[in-house]
Amino acid sequence: MLQVTSLYASLLAILIIFLCLNVVKFRMVKKVGLGDNGDKAGQKVIRAHANAVEYIPVLLILMAIYEINGGLPVILHVLGVVTVVARIIHAMGLSKSGGTSFGRLYGAGLTFLVVLIFAGMNLFKFFSQLI
C-alpha cells in the first residue's frame, strides 16, 4: 500500500485544483475561452497551473516506485514536505512574476532536486539488486 505517497499525492492534487480554479477565474472574468488573449496575468496563472501538471506526476511516480520498493518512510516524508513547499512557493512566484523571482527559482530548484533524489535512489536500488 502506498500510504505515504497517497498523502502527498492528495495534497498536491489540492494544489493543482487551486491553481486550476485560478485559471477558471481568469477565463470567466476576462471572457477568454482558449489561450490567454495576450493577457499577462492570464499567462502567469495558466503557466503556474501547467507547470504543476508537468512536474507533479513524474515526481509522484518516482515517489510511488521508491515506496513500493521499500523506501524509508522518513525519506518519503522529508521529500514529500519539501515537494509540497517547493510547489507552493513556485506557484506563488510564477503567479505573481513573469520574470525571475524567489519562488520560481527556489521552487523549481527544490522540485528538480527532489526528482533527482528519487530517480537516483530508484536507480541505486535497481542496480544494487543486480549485483
Protein backbone atom coordinates (compact mmCIF):
# COMPACT_ATOMS: atom_id res chain seq x y z
CA MET A 1 0.00 0.00 0.00
CA LEU A 2 1.24 3.48 -0.85
CA GLN A 3 0.27 5.25 2.36
CA VAL A 4 2.91 7.98 2.30
CA THR A 5 2.69 8.67 -1.43
CA SER A 6 -1.10 8.88 -1.16
CA LEU A 7 -0.77 11.66 1.43
CA TYR A 8 1.46 13.81 -0.77
CA ALA A 9 -0.46 12.95 -3.95
CA SER A 10 -3.62 14.20 -2.24
CA LEU A 11 -2.01 17.43 -1.00
CA LEU A 12 -0.52 18.11 -4.43
CA ALA A 13 -3.86 17.33 -6.12
CA ILE A 14 -5.47 20.01 -3.94
CA LEU A 15 -2.75 22.45 -5.06
CA ILE A 16 -3.42 21.58 -8.72
CA ILE A 17 -7.17 22.17 -8.24
CA PHE A 18 -6.46 25.53 -6.57
CA LEU A 19 -4.24 26.53 -9.50
CA CYS A 20 -6.91 25.33 -11.93
CA LEU A 21 -9.52 27.47 -10.18
CA ASN A 22 -7.24 30.49 -10.71
CA VAL A 23 -7.27 29.74 -14.44
CA VAL A 24 -11.06 29.31 -14.44
CA LYS A 25 -11.48 32.61 -12.58
CA PHE A 26 -9.22 34.38 -15.10
CA ARG A 27 -11.16 32.92 -18.03
CA MET A 28 -14.53 33.88 -16.56
CA VAL A 29 -13.53 37.43 -15.62
CA LYS A 30 -11.73 38.12 -18.91
CA LYS A 31 -14.13 36.04 -21.03
CA VAL A 32 -11.28 34.06 -22.58
CA GLY A 33 -12.19 30.58 -23.84
CA LEU A 34 -8.80 29.38 -25.06
CA GLY A 35 -5.28 30.64 -24.54
CA ASP A 36 -4.59 33.85 -22.67
CA ASN A 37 -5.69 36.50 -25.20
CA GLY A 38 -2.35 38.25 -24.63
CA ASP A 39 -3.21 38.99 -21.01
CA LYS A 40 -0.03 38.94 -18.85
CA ALA A 41 -1.89 37.98 -15.67
CA GLY A 42 -3.60 35.17 -17.56
CA GLN A 43 -0.28 33.91 -18.88
CA LYS A 44 1.04 33.69 -15.32
CA VAL A 45 -1.88 31.75 -13.84
CA ILE A 46 -2.05 29.42 -16.85
CA ARG A 47 1.68 28.66 -16.64
CA ALA A 48 1.55 28.18 -12.85
CA HIS A 49 -1.11 25.50 -13.35
CA ALA A 50 0.58 23.94 -16.37
CA ASN A 51 3.96 23.80 -14.66
CA ALA A 52 2.46 21.97 -11.68
CA VAL A 53 0.74 19.49 -14.01
CA GLU A 54 4.03 18.95 -15.86
CA TYR A 55 6.21 18.16 -12.84
CA ILE A 56 3.99 16.73 -10.11
CA PRO A 57 3.01 13.48 -11.92
CA VAL A 58 6.63 12.49 -12.63
CA LEU A 59 7.59 13.24 -9.07
CA LEU A 60 4.71 11.18 -7.67
CA ILE A 61 5.53 8.24 -9.95
CA LEU A 62 9.12 8.25 -8.70
CA MET A 63 7.91 8.59 -5.10
CA ALA A 64 5.49 5.67 -5.50
CA ILE A 65 8.19 3.47 -7.03
CA TYR A 66 10.51 4.28 -4.15
CA GLU A 67 7.79 3.48 -1.61
CA ILE A 68 6.77 0.23 -3.38
CA ASN A 69 10.41 -0.87 -3.36
CA GLY A 70 10.62 -0.49 0.42
CA GLY A 71 11.86 3.09 0.67
CA LEU A 72 12.28 4.56 4.12
CA PRO A 73 9.16 6.38 5.34
CA VAL A 74 11.22 9.20 6.89
CA ILE A 75 12.84 9.92 3.50
CA LEU A 76 9.44 9.82 1.81
CA HIS A 77 8.02 12.31 4.33
CA VAL A 78 11.00 14.68 4.20
CA LEU A 79 11.00 14.73 0.40
CA GLY A 80 7.18 14.94 0.37
CA VAL A 81 7.17 18.01 2.60
CA VAL A 82 9.95 19.60 0.54
CA THR A 83 7.92 18.91 -2.61
CA VAL A 84 4.72 20.47 -1.27
CA VAL A 85 6.59 23.56 -0.06
CA ALA A 86 8.54 23.79 -3.34
CA ARG A 87 5.42 23.55 -5.48
CA ILE A 88 3.56 26.13 -3.39
CA ILE A 89 6.37 28.70 -3.49
CA HIS A 90 6.90 28.01 -7.20
CA ALA A 91 3.22 28.55 -7.95
CA MET A 92 3.17 31.74 -5.88
CA GLY A 93 6.31 33.04 -7.57
CA LEU A 94 5.12 32.24 -11.07
CA SER A 95 1.61 33.58 -10.47
CA LYS A 96 2.99 36.92 -9.32
CA SER A 97 6.02 37.36 -11.59
CA GLY A 98 6.65 36.53 -15.21
CA GLY A 99 10.33 37.04 -14.59
CA THR A 100 12.75 35.60 -12.10
CA SER A 101 11.57 35.51 -8.51
CA PHE A 102 12.50 33.82 -5.23
CA GLY A 103 9.53 31.46 -5.54
CA ARG A 104 10.25 30.44 -9.11
CA LEU A 105 13.97 29.95 -8.52
CA TYR A 106 13.79 28.00 -5.28
CA GLY A 107 10.54 26.21 -6.05
CA ALA A 108 11.90 24.91 -9.35
CA GLY A 109 15.30 24.15 -7.85
CA LEU A 110 13.85 22.15 -4.97
CA THR A 111 11.49 20.31 -7.33
CA PHE A 112 14.41 19.35 -9.60
CA LEU A 113 16.41 18.25 -6.57
CA VAL A 114 13.62 16.00 -5.24
CA VAL A 115 13.08 14.45 -8.70
CA LEU A 116 16.81 13.76 -9.00
CA ILE A 117 16.99 12.29 -5.48
CA PHE A 118 14.07 9.92 -6.11
CA ALA A 119 15.44 8.98 -9.53
CA GLY A 120 18.89 8.37 -8.04
CA MET A 121 17.54 6.27 -5.18
CA ASN A 122 15.42 4.20 -7.56
CA LEU A 123 18.36 3.65 -9.89
CA PHE A 124 20.59 2.72 -6.96
CA LYS A 125 18.01 0.19 -5.75
CA PHE A 126 17.70 -1.29 -9.23
CA PHE A 127 21.43 -1.64 -9.86
CA SER A 128 22.23 -2.82 -6.34
CA GLN A 129 19.85 -5.77 -6.87
CA LEU A 130 21.77 -6.80 -10.00
CA ILE A 131 24.98 -7.32 -8.06
